Each structure stands twice: as structure tokens, then as C-alpha cells.
Amino acid sequence: MSKNVLVVDDSSSVRQVVGLVLKNAGFDVVEACNGEEALKLLDGRKLHLIVSDLNMPVMDGITFAKHAKEMDDYKFTPILMLTTESDQEKKKQGKEAGIKAWLVKPFQPPLLLSAVSKLT
């Protein structure tokens, strides 16, 4: 049985690249273009991992993570932040919101897969 990953990013090209890397590694991928849309996908379906951007319109990644972690079905689902941000204060806020790992864009697919394998 393959594992399900939710990819949340306002850039369709990033969603496409991340989705392709994950699909080629055997994951099933669901996509959302911002945190608000992603929350609507948290409908009880089993997710093994969430990969989210930080800076998105409508709802950013940290706000999304806080909301996701408040939901019983997703409070233990690991979240990987995939973002251009490397600021220590943002990382601290992310950790406080329940984010388990932080990967800076641009990323190398093997590095993404290594992080994903540690979290799933």
C-alpha cells in the first residue's frame, strides 16, 4: 500500500516537481495551492506526510500547520516545510506550530526523498 502525501504550495511548478519526485518514489500525492484549500482536504483521509510552503496567499504554511495540528486525525501527521525561508525565527515559529522538518528551496530531489523517508 502506498503512502499518501499532501503537497501545499501556491506555485504550480513547485507542486508539479515535488509531486513528480514523490510519485516516482511510490507515493500517492494530493495537492493544494494554499493553506485554506489544504484544510478542506483534511477530511479524515489518511495522510502520512504534509509538505507545505511557508509563504502563500490566503493562508500561510505556519497558520495551516497550527490548524492541522488542532485536528484529531492530523495532530500526529508530520509536516515538512519546503520554503525559500531560512530565517531562524521563522524556523522557531514553525517548530512551535508542530513542523517536524525544514527544507530550503531550491532543493535536490534526493534530499527531499531523504527527509520524506525519515518522516514517513
PDB file of N, CA and C in Angstrom:
ATOM      1  N   MET A   1       0.845  -1.194   0.000  1.00  0.00           N
ATOM      2  CA  MET A   1       0.000   0.000   0.000  1.00  0.00           C
ATOM      3  C   MET A   1       0.883   1.247   0.000  1.00  0.00           C
ATOM      4  N   SER A   2       0.617   2.159  -0.911  1.00  0.00           N
ATOM      5  CA  SER A   2       1.443   3.361  -0.981  1.00  0.00           C
ATOM      6  C   SER A   2       1.018   4.366   0.088  1.00  0.00           C
ATOM      7  N   LYS A   3       1.918   5.264   0.368  1.00  0.00           N
ATOM      8  CA  LYS A   3       1.670   6.288   1.380  1.00  0.00           C
ATOM      9  C   LYS A   3       1.165   7.553   0.704  1.00  0.00           C
ATOM     10  N   ASN A   4       0.292   8.265   1.421  1.00  0.00           N
ATOM     11  CA  ASN A   4      -0.343   9.470   0.901  1.00  0.00           C
ATOM     12  C   ASN A   4       0.351  10.716   1.430  1.00  0.00           C
ATOM     13  N   VAL A   5       0.661  11.643   0.521  1.00  0.00           N
ATOM     14  CA  VAL A   5       1.313  12.896   0.876  1.00  0.00           C
ATOM     15  C   VAL A   5       0.493  14.049   0.324  1.00  0.00           C
ATOM     16  N   LEU A   6       0.261  15.064   1.163  1.00  0.00           N
ATOM     17  CA  LEU A   6      -0.384  16.297   0.734  1.00  0.00           C
ATOM     18  C   LEU A   6       0.706  17.328   0.471  1.00  0.00           C
ATOM     19  N   VAL A   7       0.713  17.894  -0.735  1.00  0.00           N
ATOM     20  CA  VAL A   7       1.677  18.927  -1.114  1.00  0.00           C
ATOM     21  C   VAL A   7       0.922  20.249  -1.225  1.00  0.00           C
ATOM     22  N   VAL A   8       1.364  21.246  -0.436  1.00  0.00           N
ATOM     23  CA  VAL A   8       0.694  22.544  -0.397  1.00  0.00           C
ATOM     24  C   VAL A   8       1.686  23.620  -0.821  1.00  0.00           C
ATOM     25  N   ASP A   9       1.427  24.251  -1.957  1.00  0.00           N
ATOM     26  CA  ASP A   9       2.311  25.306  -2.454  1.00  0.00           C
ATOM     27  C   ASP A   9       1.528  26.146  -3.457  1.00  0.00           C
ATOM     28  N   ASP A  10       1.711  27.458  -3.402  1.00  0.00           N
ATOM     29  CA  ASP A  10       0.994  28.325  -4.340  1.00  0.00           C
ATOM     30  C   ASP A  10       1.611  28.299  -5.736  1.00  0.00           C
ATOM     31  N   SER A  11       2.799  27.741  -5.880  1.00  0.00           N
ATOM     32  CA  SER A  11       3.433  27.626  -7.186  1.00  0.00           C
ATOM     33  C   SER A  11       3.087  26.278  -7.817  1.00  0.00           C
ATOM     34  N   SER A  12       2.389  26.329  -8.953  1.00  0.00           N
ATOM     35  CA  SER A  12       2.011  25.076  -9.612  1.00  0.00           C
ATOM     36  C   SER A  12       3.240  24.310 -10.072  1.00  0.00           C
ATOM     37  N   SER A  13       4.302  25.024 -10.469  1.00  0.00           N
ATOM     38  CA  SER A  13       5.513  24.322 -10.917  1.00  0.00           C
ATOM     39  C   SER A  13       6.187  23.595  -9.752  1.00  0.00           C
ATOM     40  N   VAL A  14       6.198  24.192  -8.572  1.00  0.00           N
ATOM     41  CA  VAL A  14       6.771  23.511  -7.402  1.00  0.00           C
ATOM     42  C   VAL A  14       5.923  22.287  -7.052  1.00  0.00           C
ATOM     43  N   ARG A  15       4.600  22.450  -7.055  1.00  0.00           N
ATOM     44  CA  ARG A  15       3.723  21.298  -6.779  1.00  0.00           C
ATOM     45  C   ARG A  15       3.987  20.185  -7.780  1.00  0.00           C
ATOM     46  N   GLN A  16       4.172  20.568  -9.041  1.00  0.00           N
ATOM     47  CA  GLN A  16       4.402  19.583 -10.089  1.00  0.00           C
ATOM     48  C   GLN A  16       5.726  18.843  -9.871  1.00  0.00           C
ATOM     49  N   VAL A  17       6.796  19.578  -9.574  1.00  0.00           N
ATOM     50  CA  VAL A  17       8.111  18.953  -9.365  1.00  0.00           C
ATOM     51  C   VAL A  17       8.093  18.067  -8.115  1.00  0.00           C
ATOM     52  N   VAL A  18       7.592  18.599  -7.007  1.00  0.00           N
ATOM     53  CA  VAL A  18       7.538  17.816  -5.764  1.00  0.00           C
ATOM     54  C   VAL A  18       6.655  16.588  -5.969  1.00  0.00           C
ATOM     55  N   GLY A  19       5.509  16.783  -6.616  1.00  0.00           N
ATOM     56  CA  GLY A  19       4.604  15.664  -6.881  1.00  0.00           C
ATOM     57  C   GLY A  19       5.253  14.593  -7.725  1.00  0.00           C
ATOM     58  N   LEU A  20       5.991  15.003  -8.759  1.00  0.00           N
ATOM     59  CA  LEU A  20       6.666  14.047  -9.634  1.00  0.00           C
ATOM     60  C   LEU A  20       7.734  13.258  -8.882  1.00  0.00           C
ATOM     61  N   VAL A  21       8.528  13.951  -8.068  1.00  0.00           N
ATOM     62  CA  VAL A  21       9.563  13.277  -7.270  1.00  0.00           C
ATOM     63  C   VAL A  21       8.920  12.246  -6.341  1.00  0.00           C
ATOM     64  N   LEU A  22       7.841  12.649  -5.681  1.00  0.00           N
ATOM     65  CA  LEU A  22       7.182  11.746  -4.732  1.00  0.00           C
ATOM     66  C   LEU A  22       6.483  10.587  -5.437  1.00  0.00           C
ATOM     67  N   LYS A  23       5.803  10.879  -6.539  1.00  0.00           N
ATOM     68  CA  LYS A  23       5.115   9.817  -7.287  1.00  0.00           C
ATOM     69  C   LYS A  23       6.119   8.798  -7.821  1.00  0.00           C
ATOM     70  N   ASN A  24       7.262   9.272  -8.315  1.00  0.00           N
ATOM     71  CA  ASN A  24       8.292   8.364  -8.813  1.00  0.00           C
ATOM     72  C   ASN A  24       8.872   7.498  -7.702  1.00  0.00           C
ATOM     73  N   ALA A  25       8.739   7.969  -6.460  1.00  0.00           N
ATOM     74  CA  ALA A  25       9.220   7.192  -5.309  1.00  0.00           C
ATOM     75  C   ALA A  25       8.116   6.299  -4.735  1.00  0.00           C
ATOM     76  N   GLY A  26       6.944   6.302  -5.389  1.00  0.00           N
ATOM     77  CA  GLY A  26       5.873   5.398  -4.978  1.00  0.00           C
ATOM     78  C   GLY A  26       4.802   5.989  -4.083  1.00  0.00           C
ATOM     79  N   PHE A  27       4.822   7.295  -3.880  1.00  0.00           N
ATOM     80  CA  PHE A  27       3.816   7.935  -3.037  1.00  0.00           C
ATOM     81  C   PHE A  27       2.597   8.342  -3.858  1.00  0.00           C
ATOM     82  N   ASP A  28       1.439   8.377  -3.218  1.00  0.00           N
ATOM     83  CA  ASP A  28       0.249   8.988  -3.798  1.00  0.00           C
ATOM     84  C   ASP A  28       0.231  10.437  -3.331  1.00  0.00           C
ATOM     85  N   VAL A  29      -0.041  11.368  -4.236  1.00  0.00           N
ATOM     86  CA  VAL A  29       0.066  12.792  -3.931  1.00  0.00           C
ATOM     87  C   VAL A  29      -1.272  13.489  -4.147  1.00  0.00           C
ATOM     88  N   VAL A  30      -1.634  14.322  -3.168  1.00  0.00           N
ATOM     89  CA  VAL A  30      -2.787  15.209  -3.254  1.00  0.00           C
ATOM     90  C   VAL A  30      -2.223  16.618  -3.172  1.00  0.00           C
ATOM     91  N   GLU A  31      -2.790  17.557  -3.933  1.00  0.00           N
ATOM     92  CA  GLU A  31      -2.231  18.907  -3.984  1.00  0.00           C
ATOM     93  C   GLU A  31      -3.242  19.966  -3.564  1.00  0.00           C
ATOM     94  N   ALA A  32      -2.697  21.043  -2.975  1.00  0.00           N
ATOM     95  CA  ALA A  32      -3.493  22.226  -2.640  1.00  0.00           C
ATOM     96  C   ALA A  32      -2.629  23.452  -2.905  1.00  0.00           C
ATOM     97  N   CYS A  33      -3.260  24.577  -3.262  1.00  0.00           N
ATOM     98  CA  CYS A  33      -2.489  25.763  -3.633  1.00  0.00           C
ATOM     99  C   CYS A  33      -2.319  26.780  -2.504  1.00  0.00           C
ATOM    100  N   ASN A  34      -2.948  26.542  -1.351  1.00  0.00           N
ATOM    101  CA  ASN A  34      -2.722  27.395  -0.173  1.00  0.00           C
ATOM    102  C   ASN A  34      -3.237  26.664   1.062  1.00  0.00           C
ATOM    103  N   GLY A  35      -2.967  27.233   2.212  1.00  0.00           N
ATOM    104  CA  GLY A  35      -3.352  26.584   3.466  1.00  0.00           C
ATOM    105  C   GLY A  35      -4.847  26.389   3.622  1.00  0.00           C
ATOM    106  N   GLU A  36      -5.621  27.361   3.183  1.00  0.00           N
ATOM    107  CA  GLU A  36      -7.079  27.245   3.312  1.00  0.00           C
ATOM    108  C   GLU A  36      -7.610  26.080   2.474  1.00  0.00           C
ATOM    109  N   GLU A  37      -7.124  25.971   1.239  1.00  0.00           N
ATOM    110  CA  GLU A  37      -7.540  24.865   0.376  1.00  0.00           C
ATOM    111  C   GLU A  37      -7.079  23.527   0.975  1.00  0.00           C
ATOM    112  N   ALA A  38      -5.882  23.520   1.539  1.00  0.00           N
ATOM    113  CA  ALA A  38      -5.346  22.298   2.145  1.00  0.00           C
ATOM    114  C   ALA A  38      -6.199  21.849   3.332  1.00  0.00           C
ATOM    115  N   LEU A  39      -6.664  22.804   4.138  1.00  0.00           N
ATOM    116  CA  LEU A  39      -7.503  22.445   5.285  1.00  0.00           C
ATOM    117  C   LEU A  39      -8.777  21.729   4.837  1.00  0.00           C
ATOM    118  N   LYS A  40      -9.318  22.124   3.700  1.00  0.00           N
ATOM    119  CA  LYS A  40     -10.523  21.482   3.178  1.00  0.00           C
ATOM    120  C   LYS A  40     -10.255  20.032   2.790  1.00  0.00           C
ATOM    121  N   LEU A  41      -8.983  19.715   2.477  1.00  0.00           N
ATOM    122  CA  LEU A  41      -8.621  18.342   2.113  1.00  0.00           C
ATOM    123  C   LEU A  41      -8.374  17.466   3.343  1.00  0.00           C
ATOM    124  N   LEU A  42      -8.295  18.101   4.512  1.00  0.00           N
ATOM    125  CA  LEU A  42      -8.118  17.341   5.749  1.00  0.00           C
ATOM    126  C   LEU A  42      -9.499  16.891   6.237  1.00  0.00           C
ATOM    127  N   ASP A  43     -10.033  15.923   5.522  1.00  0.00           N
ATOM    128  CA  ASP A  43     -11.414  15.476   5.723  1.00  0.00           C
ATOM    129  C   ASP A  43     -11.490  14.079   6.327  1.00  0.00           C
ATOM    130  N   GLY A  44     -10.405  13.658   6.978  1.00  0.00           N
ATOM    131  CA  GLY A  44     -10.382  12.333   7.578  1.00  0.00           C
ATOM    132  C   GLY A  44      -9.572  11.327   6.774  1.00  0.00           C
ATOM    133  N   ARG A  45      -9.208  11.690   5.536  1.00  0.00           N
ATOM    134  CA  ARG A  45      -8.388  10.780   4.727  1.00  0.00           C
ATOM    135  C   ARG A  45      -7.044  10.574   5.411  1.00  0.00           C
ATOM    136  N   LYS A  46      -6.481   9.397   5.240  1.00  0.00           N
ATOM    137  CA  LYS A  46      -5.186   9.085   5.833  1.00  0.00           C
ATOM    138  C   LYS A  46      -4.077   9.774   5.059  1.00  0.00           C
ATOM    139  N   LEU A  47      -3.296  10.595   5.755  1.00  0.00           N
ATOM    140  CA  LEU A  47      -2.118  11.230   5.176  1.00  0.00           C
ATOM    141  C   LEU A  47      -0.911  10.814   6.002  1.00  0.00           C
ATOM    142  N   HIS A  48       0.143  10.416   5.333  1.00  0.00           N
ATOM    143  CA  HIS A  48       1.360  10.007   6.022  1.00  0.00           C
ATOM    144  C   HIS A  48       2.331  11.170   6.203  1.00  0.00           C
ATOM    145  N   LEU A  49       2.143  12.228   5.400  1.00  0.00           N
ATOM    146  CA  LEU A  49       3.027  13.388   5.445  1.00  0.00           C
ATOM    147  C   LEU A  49       2.359  14.563   4.756  1.00  0.00           C
ATOM    148  N   ILE A  50       2.670  15.764   5.245  1.00  0.00           N
ATOM    149  CA  ILE A  50       2.268  17.004   4.581  1.00  0.00           C
ATOM    150  C   ILE A  50       3.542  17.768   4.255  1.00  0.00           C
ATOM    151  N   VAL A  51       3.680  18.182   2.991  1.00  0.00           N
ATOM    152  CA  VAL A  51       4.787  19.029   2.554  1.00  0.00           C
ATOM    153  C   VAL A  51       4.174  20.373   2.219  1.00  0.00           C
ATOM    154  N   SER A  52       4.584  21.419   2.938  1.00  0.00           N
ATOM    155  CA  SER A  52       3.948  22.724   2.758  1.00  0.00           C
ATOM    156  C   SER A  52       4.968  23.832   2.542  1.00  0.00           C
ATOM    157  N   ASP A  53       4.595  24.778   1.695  1.00  0.00           N
ATOM    158  CA  ASP A  53       5.336  26.019   1.532  1.00  0.00           C
ATOM    159  C   ASP A  53       5.007  26.905   2.733  1.00  0.00           C
ATOM    160  N   LEU A  54       5.833  27.897   2.972  1.00  0.00           N
ATOM    161  CA  LEU A  54       5.563  28.844   4.048  1.00  0.00           C
ATOM    162  C   LEU A  54       4.777  30.043   3.531  1.00  0.00           C
ATOM    163  N   ASN A  55       5.314  30.730   2.532  1.00  0.00           N
ATOM    164  CA  ASN A  55       4.713  31.968   2.045  1.00  0.00           C
ATOM    165  C   ASN A  55       3.717  31.685   0.932  1.00  0.00           C
ATOM    166  N   MET A  56       2.431  31.763   1.301  1.00  0.00           N
ATOM    167  CA  MET A  56       1.349  31.538   0.335  1.00  0.00           C
ATOM    168  C   MET A  56       0.248  32.565   0.590  1.00  0.00           C
ATOM    169  N   PRO A  57      -0.500  32.922  -0.461  1.00  0.00           N
ATOM    170  CA  PRO A  57      -1.651  33.805  -0.251  1.00  0.00           C
ATOM    171  C   PRO A  57      -2.757  33.058   0.497  1.00  0.00           C
ATOM    172  N   VAL A  58      -3.705  33.774   1.004  1.00  0.00           N
ATOM    173  CA  VAL A  58      -4.886  33.285   1.708  1.00  0.00           C
ATOM    174  C   VAL A  58      -4.528  32.750   3.094  1.00  0.00           C
ATOM    175  N   MET A  59      -3.673  31.721   3.174  1.00  0.00           N
ATOM    176  CA  MET A  59      -3.226  31.190   4.464  1.00  0.00           C
ATOM    177  C   MET A  59      -1.811  30.635   4.311  1.00  0.00           C
ATOM    178  N   ASP A  60      -0.899  31.141   5.145  1.00  0.00           N
ATOM    179  CA  ASP A  60       0.497  30.706   5.067  1.00  0.00           C
ATOM    180  C   ASP A  60       0.683  29.328   5.706  1.00  0.00           C
ATOM    181  N   GLY A  61       1.874  28.766   5.509  1.00  0.00           N
ATOM    182  CA  GLY A  61       2.161  27.412   5.961  1.00  0.00           C
ATOM    183  C   GLY A  61       2.144  27.219   7.469  1.00  0.00           C
ATOM    184  N   ILE A  62       2.625  28.207   8.220  1.00  0.00           N
ATOM    185  CA  ILE A  62       2.633  28.068   9.681  1.00  0.00           C
ATOM    186  C   ILE A  62       1.214  28.112  10.230  1.00  0.00           C
ATOM    187  N   THR A  63       0.394  29.018   9.728  1.00  0.00           N
ATOM    188  CA  THR A  63      -1.013  29.074  10.159  1.00  0.00           C
ATOM    189  C   THR A  63      -1.717  27.775   9.802  1.00  0.00           C
ATOM    190  N   PHE A  64      -1.470  27.272   8.601  1.00  0.00           N
ATOM    191  CA  PHE A  64      -2.048  25.994   8.189  1.00  0.00           C
ATOM    192  C   PHE A  64      -1.620  24.872   9.134  1.00  0.00           C
ATOM    193  N   ALA A  65      -0.336  24.828   9.459  1.00  0.00           N
ATOM    194  CA  ALA A  65       0.177  23.773  10.349  1.00  0.00           C
ATOM    195  C   ALA A  65      -0.505  23.829  11.713  1.00  0.00           C
ATOM    196  N   LYS A  66      -0.679  25.025  12.255  1.00  0.00           N
ATOM    197  CA  LYS A  66      -1.349  25.171  13.555  1.00  0.00           C
ATOM    198  C   LYS A  66      -2.766  24.598  13.494  1.00  0.00           C
ATOM    199  N   HIS A  67      -3.499  24.934  12.437  1.00  0.00           N
ATOM    200  CA  HIS A  67      -4.866  24.425  12.282  1.00  0.00           C
ATOM    201  C   HIS A  67      -4.872  22.908  12.102  1.00  0.00           C
ATOM    202  N   ALA A  68      -3.958  22.398  11.292  1.00  0.00           N
ATOM    203  CA  ALA A  68      -3.896  20.952  11.050  1.00  0.00           C
ATOM    204  C   ALA A  68      -3.611  20.202  12.350  1.00  0.00           C
ATOM    205  N   LYS A  69      -2.704  20.718  13.157  1.00  0.00           N
ATOM    206  CA  LYS A  69      -2.317  20.048  14.402  1.00  0.00           C
ATOM    207  C   LYS A  69      -3.432  20.083  15.452  1.00  0.00           C
ATOM    208  N   GLU A  70      -4.408  20.959  15.265  1.00  0.00           N
ATOM    209  CA  GLU A  70      -5.561  21.009  16.172  1.00  0.00           C
ATOM    210  C   GLU A  70      -6.602  19.935  15.847  1.00  0.00           C
ATOM    211  N   MET A  71      -6.460  19.301  14.690  1.00  0.00           N
ATOM    212  CA  MET A  71      -7.426  18.289  14.240  1.00  0.00           C
ATOM    213  C   MET A  71      -6.977  16.905  14.712  1.00  0.00           C
ATOM    214  N   ASP A  72      -7.888  16.169  15.343  1.00  0.00           N
ATOM    215  CA  ASP A  72      -7.547  14.856  15.894  1.00  0.00           C
ATOM    216  C   ASP A  72      -6.922  13.923  14.869  1.00  0.00           C
ATOM    217  N   ASP A  73      -7.453  13.907  13.645  1.00  0.00           N
ATOM    218  CA  ASP A  73      -6.947  12.986  12.625  1.00  0.00           C
ATOM    219  C   ASP A  73      -5.547  13.342  12.130  1.00  0.00           C
ATOM    220  N   TYR A  74      -5.091  14.567  12.389  1.00  0.00           N
ATOM    221  CA  TYR A  74      -3.824  15.027  11.807  1.00  0.00           C
ATOM    222  C   TYR A  74      -2.819  15.550  12.826  1.00  0.00           C
ATOM    223  N   LYS A  75      -3.136  15.455  14.114  1.00  0.00           N
ATOM    224  CA  LYS A  75      -2.217  16.013  15.106  1.00  0.00           C
ATOM    225  C   LYS A  75      -0.866  15.295  15.141  1.00  0.00           C
ATOM    226  N   PHE A  76      -0.823  14.034  14.645  1.00  0.00           N
ATOM    227  CA  PHE A  76       0.445  13.305  14.618  1.00  0.00           C
ATOM    228  C   PHE A  76       1.026  13.169  13.203  1.00  0.00           C
ATOM    229  N   THR A  77       0.382  13.794  12.222  1.00  0.00           N
ATOM    230  CA  THR A  77       0.881  13.741  10.850  1.00  0.00           C
ATOM    231  C   THR A  77       2.090  14.671  10.734  1.00  0.00           C
ATOM    232  N   PRO A  78       3.249  14.154  10.324  1.00  0.00           N
ATOM    233  CA  PRO A  78       4.420  15.030  10.214  1.00  0.00           C
ATOM    234  C   PRO A  78       4.263  16.047   9.089  1.00  0.00           C
ATOM    235  N   ILE A  79       4.786  17.244   9.341  1.00  0.00           N
ATOM    236  CA  ILE A  79       4.755  18.316   8.353  1.00  0.00           C
ATOM    237  C   ILE A  79       6.183  18.729   8.032  1.00  0.00           C
ATOM    238  N   LEU A  80       6.485  18.744   6.740  1.00  0.00           N
ATOM    239  CA  LEU A  80       7.783  19.197   6.227  1.00  0.00           C
ATOM    240  C   LEU A  80       7.569  20.550   5.564  1.00  0.00           C
ATOM    241  N   MET A  81       8.254  21.573   6.036  1.00  0.00           N
ATOM    242  CA  MET A  81       8.160  22.894   5.432  1.00  0.00           C
ATOM    243  C   MET A  81       9.199  22.978   4.314  1.00  0.00           C
ATOM    244  N   LEU A  82       8.724  23.226   3.106  1.00  0.00           N
ATOM    245  CA  LEU A  82       9.591  23.364   1.929  1.00  0.00           C
ATOM    246  C   LEU A  82       9.444  24.809   1.450  1.00  0.00           C
ATOM    247  N   THR A  83      10.459  25.636   1.713  1.00  0.00           N
ATOM    248  CA  THR A  83      10.313  27.071   1.528  1.00  0.00           C
ATOM    249  C   THR A  83      11.640  27.728   1.160  1.00  0.00           C
ATOM    250  N   THR A  84      11.566  28.949   0.676  1.00  0.00           N
ATOM    251  CA  THR A  84      12.782  29.723   0.424  1.00  0.00           C
ATOM    252  C   THR A  84      13.302  30.366   1.708  1.00  0.00           C
ATOM    253  N   GLU A  85      12.506  30.356   2.754  1.00  0.00           N
ATOM    254  CA  GLU A  85      12.866  30.995   4.027  1.00  0.00           C
ATOM    255  C   GLU A  85      13.862  30.152   4.810  1.00  0.00           C
ATOM    256  N   SER A  86      14.916  30.796   5.300  1.00  0.00           N
ATOM    257  CA  SER A  86      15.871  30.095   6.160  1.00  0.00           C
ATOM    258  C   SER A  86      16.087  30.847   7.472  1.00  0.00           C
ATOM    259  N   ASP A  87      15.253  31.841   7.733  1.00  0.00           N
ATOM    260  CA  ASP A  87      15.341  32.663   8.933  1.00  0.00           C
ATOM    261  C   ASP A  87      15.101  31.812  10.188  1.00  0.00           C
ATOM    262  N   GLN A  88      15.982  31.944  11.167  1.00  0.00           N
ATOM    263  CA  GLN A  88      15.879  31.142  12.393  1.00  0.00           C
ATOM    264  C   GLN A  88      14.587  31.418  13.160  1.00  0.00           C
ATOM    265  N   GLU A  89      14.122  32.656  13.139  1.00  0.00           N
ATOM    266  CA  GLU A  89      12.876  32.987  13.843  1.00  0.00           C
ATOM    267  C   GLU A  89      11.677  32.280  13.195  1.00  0.00           C
ATOM    268  N   LYS A  90      11.670  32.240  11.858  1.00  0.00           N
ATOM    269  CA  LYS A  90      10.594  31.522  11.157  1.00  0.00           C
ATOM    270  C   LYS A  90      10.655  30.034  11.487  1.00  0.00           C
ATOM    271  N   LYS A  91      11.867  29.475  11.527  1.00  0.00           N
ATOM    272  CA  LYS A  91      12.026  28.058  11.865  1.00  0.00           C
ATOM    273  C   LYS A  91      11.519  27.786  13.275  1.00  0.00           C
ATOM    274  N   LYS A  92      11.791  28.706  14.187  1.00  0.00           N
ATOM    275  CA  LYS A  92      11.325  28.573  15.571  1.00  0.00           C
ATOM    276  C   LYS A  92       9.792  28.594  15.610  1.00  0.00           C
ATOM    277  N   GLN A  93       9.198  29.538  14.883  1.00  0.00           N
ATOM    278  CA  GLN A  93       7.731  29.603  14.810  1.00  0.00           C
ATOM    279  C   GLN A  93       7.163  28.313  14.226  1.00  0.00           C
ATOM    280  N   GLY A  94       7.844  27.797  13.203  1.00  0.00           N
ATOM    281  CA  GLY A  94       7.402  26.550  12.584  1.00  0.00           C
ATOM    282  C   GLY A  94       7.453  25.384  13.556  1.00  0.00           C
ATOM    283  N   LYS A  95       8.534  25.283  14.296  1.00  0.00           N
ATOM    284  CA  LYS A  95       8.674  24.203  15.274  1.00  0.00           C
ATOM    285  C   LYS A  95       7.577  24.292  16.325  1.00  0.00           C
ATOM    286  N   GLU A  96       7.296  25.505  16.779  1.00  0.00           N
ATOM    287  CA  GLU A  96       6.234  25.723  17.766  1.00  0.00           C
ATOM    288  C   GLU A  96       4.866  25.341  17.195  1.00  0.00           C
ATOM    289  N   ALA A  97       4.706  25.464  15.880  1.00  0.00           N
ATOM    290  CA  ALA A  97       3.440  25.115  15.219  1.00  0.00           C
ATOM    291  C   ALA A  97       3.331  23.614  14.947  1.00  0.00           C
ATOM    292  N   GLY A  98       4.411  22.873  15.205  1.00  0.00           N
ATOM    293  CA  GLY A  98       4.364  21.429  15.012  1.00  0.00           C
ATOM    294  C   GLY A  98       5.061  20.927  13.767  1.00  0.00           C
ATOM    295  N   ILE A  99       5.819  21.785  13.100  1.00  0.00           N
ATOM    296  CA  ILE A  99       6.534  21.377  11.886  1.00  0.00           C
ATOM    297  C   ILE A  99       7.760  20.553  12.292  1.00  0.00           C
ATOM    298  N   LYS A 100       7.905  19.390  11.674  1.00  0.00           N
ATOM    299  CA  LYS A 100       8.955  18.442  12.058  1.00  0.00           C
ATOM    300  C   LYS A 100      10.267  18.634  11.310  1.00  0.00           C
ATOM    301  N   ALA A 101      10.221  19.181  10.085  1.00  0.00           N
ATOM    302  CA  ALA A 101      11.440  19.351   9.297  1.00  0.00           C
ATOM    303  C   ALA A 101      11.310  20.578   8.412  1.00  0.00           C
ATOM    304  N   TRP A 102      12.450  21.138   8.034  1.00  0.00           N
ATOM    305  CA  TRP A 102      12.506  22.374   7.257  1.00  0.00           C
ATOM    306  C   TRP A 102      13.506  22.171   6.136  1.00  0.00           C
ATOM    307  N   LEU A 103      13.071  22.327   4.908  1.00  0.00           N
ATOM    308  CA  LEU A 103      13.938  22.157   3.740  1.00  0.00           C
ATOM    309  C   LEU A 103      13.853  23.421   2.894  1.00  0.00           C
ATOM    310  N   VAL A 104      15.016  23.971   2.537  1.00  0.00           N
ATOM    311  CA  VAL A 104      15.056  25.249   1.810  1.00  0.00           C
ATOM    312  C   VAL A 104      15.102  25.001   0.303  1.00  0.00           C
ATOM    313  N   LYS A 105      14.264  25.757  -0.420  1.00  0.00           N
ATOM    314  CA  LYS A 105      14.265  25.746  -1.886  1.00  0.00           C
ATOM    315  C   LYS A 105      15.407  26.614  -2.376  1.00  0.00           C
ATOM    316  N   PRO A 106      15.985  26.344  -3.518  1.00  0.00           N
ATOM    317  CA  PRO A 106      15.716  25.166  -4.345  1.00  0.00           C
ATOM    318  C   PRO A 106      16.282  23.922  -3.666  1.00  0.00           C
ATOM    319  N   PHE A 107      15.668  22.781  -3.943  1.00  0.00           N
ATOM    320  CA  PHE A 107      16.048  21.542  -3.285  1.00  0.00           C
ATOM    321  C   PHE A 107      16.494  20.517  -4.324  1.00  0.00           C
ATOM    322  N   GLN A 108      17.275  19.583  -3.888  1.00  0.00           N
ATOM    323  CA  GLN A 108      17.676  18.459  -4.730  1.00  0.00           C
ATOM    324  C   GLN A 108      16.735  17.297  -4.418  1.00  0.00           C
ATOM    325  N   PRO A 109      16.171  16.642  -5.417  1.00  0.00           N
ATOM    326  CA  PRO A 109      15.238  15.539  -5.160  1.00  0.00           C
ATOM    327  C   PRO A 109      15.746  14.490  -4.166  1.00  0.00           C
ATOM    328  N   PRO A 110      17.026  14.070  -4.211  1.00  0.00           N
ATOM    329  CA  PRO A 110      17.474  13.084  -3.217  1.00  0.00           C
ATOM    330  C   PRO A 110      17.372  13.599  -1.775  1.00  0.00           C
ATOM    331  N   LEU A 111      17.602  14.891  -1.592  1.00  0.00           N
ATOM    332  CA  LEU A 111      17.494  15.485  -0.260  1.00  0.00           C
ATOM    333  C   LEU A 111      16.041  15.484   0.206  1.00  0.00           C
ATOM    334  N   LEU A 112      15.122  15.821  -0.691  1.00  0.00           N
ATOM    335  CA  LEU A 112      13.695  15.772  -0.369  1.00  0.00           C
ATOM    336  C   LEU A 112      13.293  14.350  -0.001  1.00  0.00           C
ATOM    337  N   LEU A 113      13.694  13.374  -0.796  1.00  0.00           N
ATOM    338  CA  LEU A 113      13.324  11.985  -0.540  1.00  0.00           C
ATOM    339  C   LEU A 113      13.936  11.480   0.760  1.00  0.00           C
ATOM    340  N   SER A 114      15.125  11.919   1.081  1.00  0.00           N
ATOM    341  CA  SER A 114      15.761  11.545   2.349  1.00  0.00           C
ATOM    342  C   SER A 114      14.942  12.079   3.530  1.00  0.00           C
ATOM    343  N   ALA A 115      14.541  13.338   3.459  1.00  0.00           N
ATOM    344  CA  ALA A 115      13.724  13.927   4.515  1.00  0.00           C
ATOM    345  C   ALA A 115      12.377  13.223   4.624  1.00  0.00           C
ATOM    346  N   VAL A 116      11.769  12.949   3.472  1.00  0.00           N
ATOM    347  CA  VAL A 116      10.466  12.277   3.448  1.00  0.00           C
ATOM    348  C   VAL A 116      10.570  10.876   4.060  1.00  0.00           C
ATOM    349  N   SER A 117      11.624  10.155   3.731  1.00  0.00           N
ATOM    350  CA  SER A 117      11.766   8.800   4.260  1.00  0.00           C
ATOM    351  C   SER A 117      11.962   8.796   5.773  1.00  0.00           C
ATOM    352  N   LYS A 118      12.572   9.832   6.304  1.00  0.00           N
ATOM    353  CA  LYS A 118      12.752   9.924   7.753  1.00  0.00           C
ATOM    354  C   LYS A 118      11.455  10.259   8.471  1.00  0.00           C
ATOM    355  N   LEU A 119      10.537  10.906   7.764  1.00  0.00           N
ATOM    356  CA  LEU A 119       9.292  11.367   8.390  1.00  0.00           C
ATOM    357  C   LEU A 119       8.115  10.400   8.195  1.00  0.00           C
ATOM    358  N   THR A 120       8.200   9.512   7.209  1.00  0.00           N
ATOM    359  CA  THR A 120       7.062   8.629   6.941  1.00  0.00           C
ATOM    360  C   THR A 120       7.308   7.225   7.436  1.00  0.00           C
TER     361      THR A 120
END
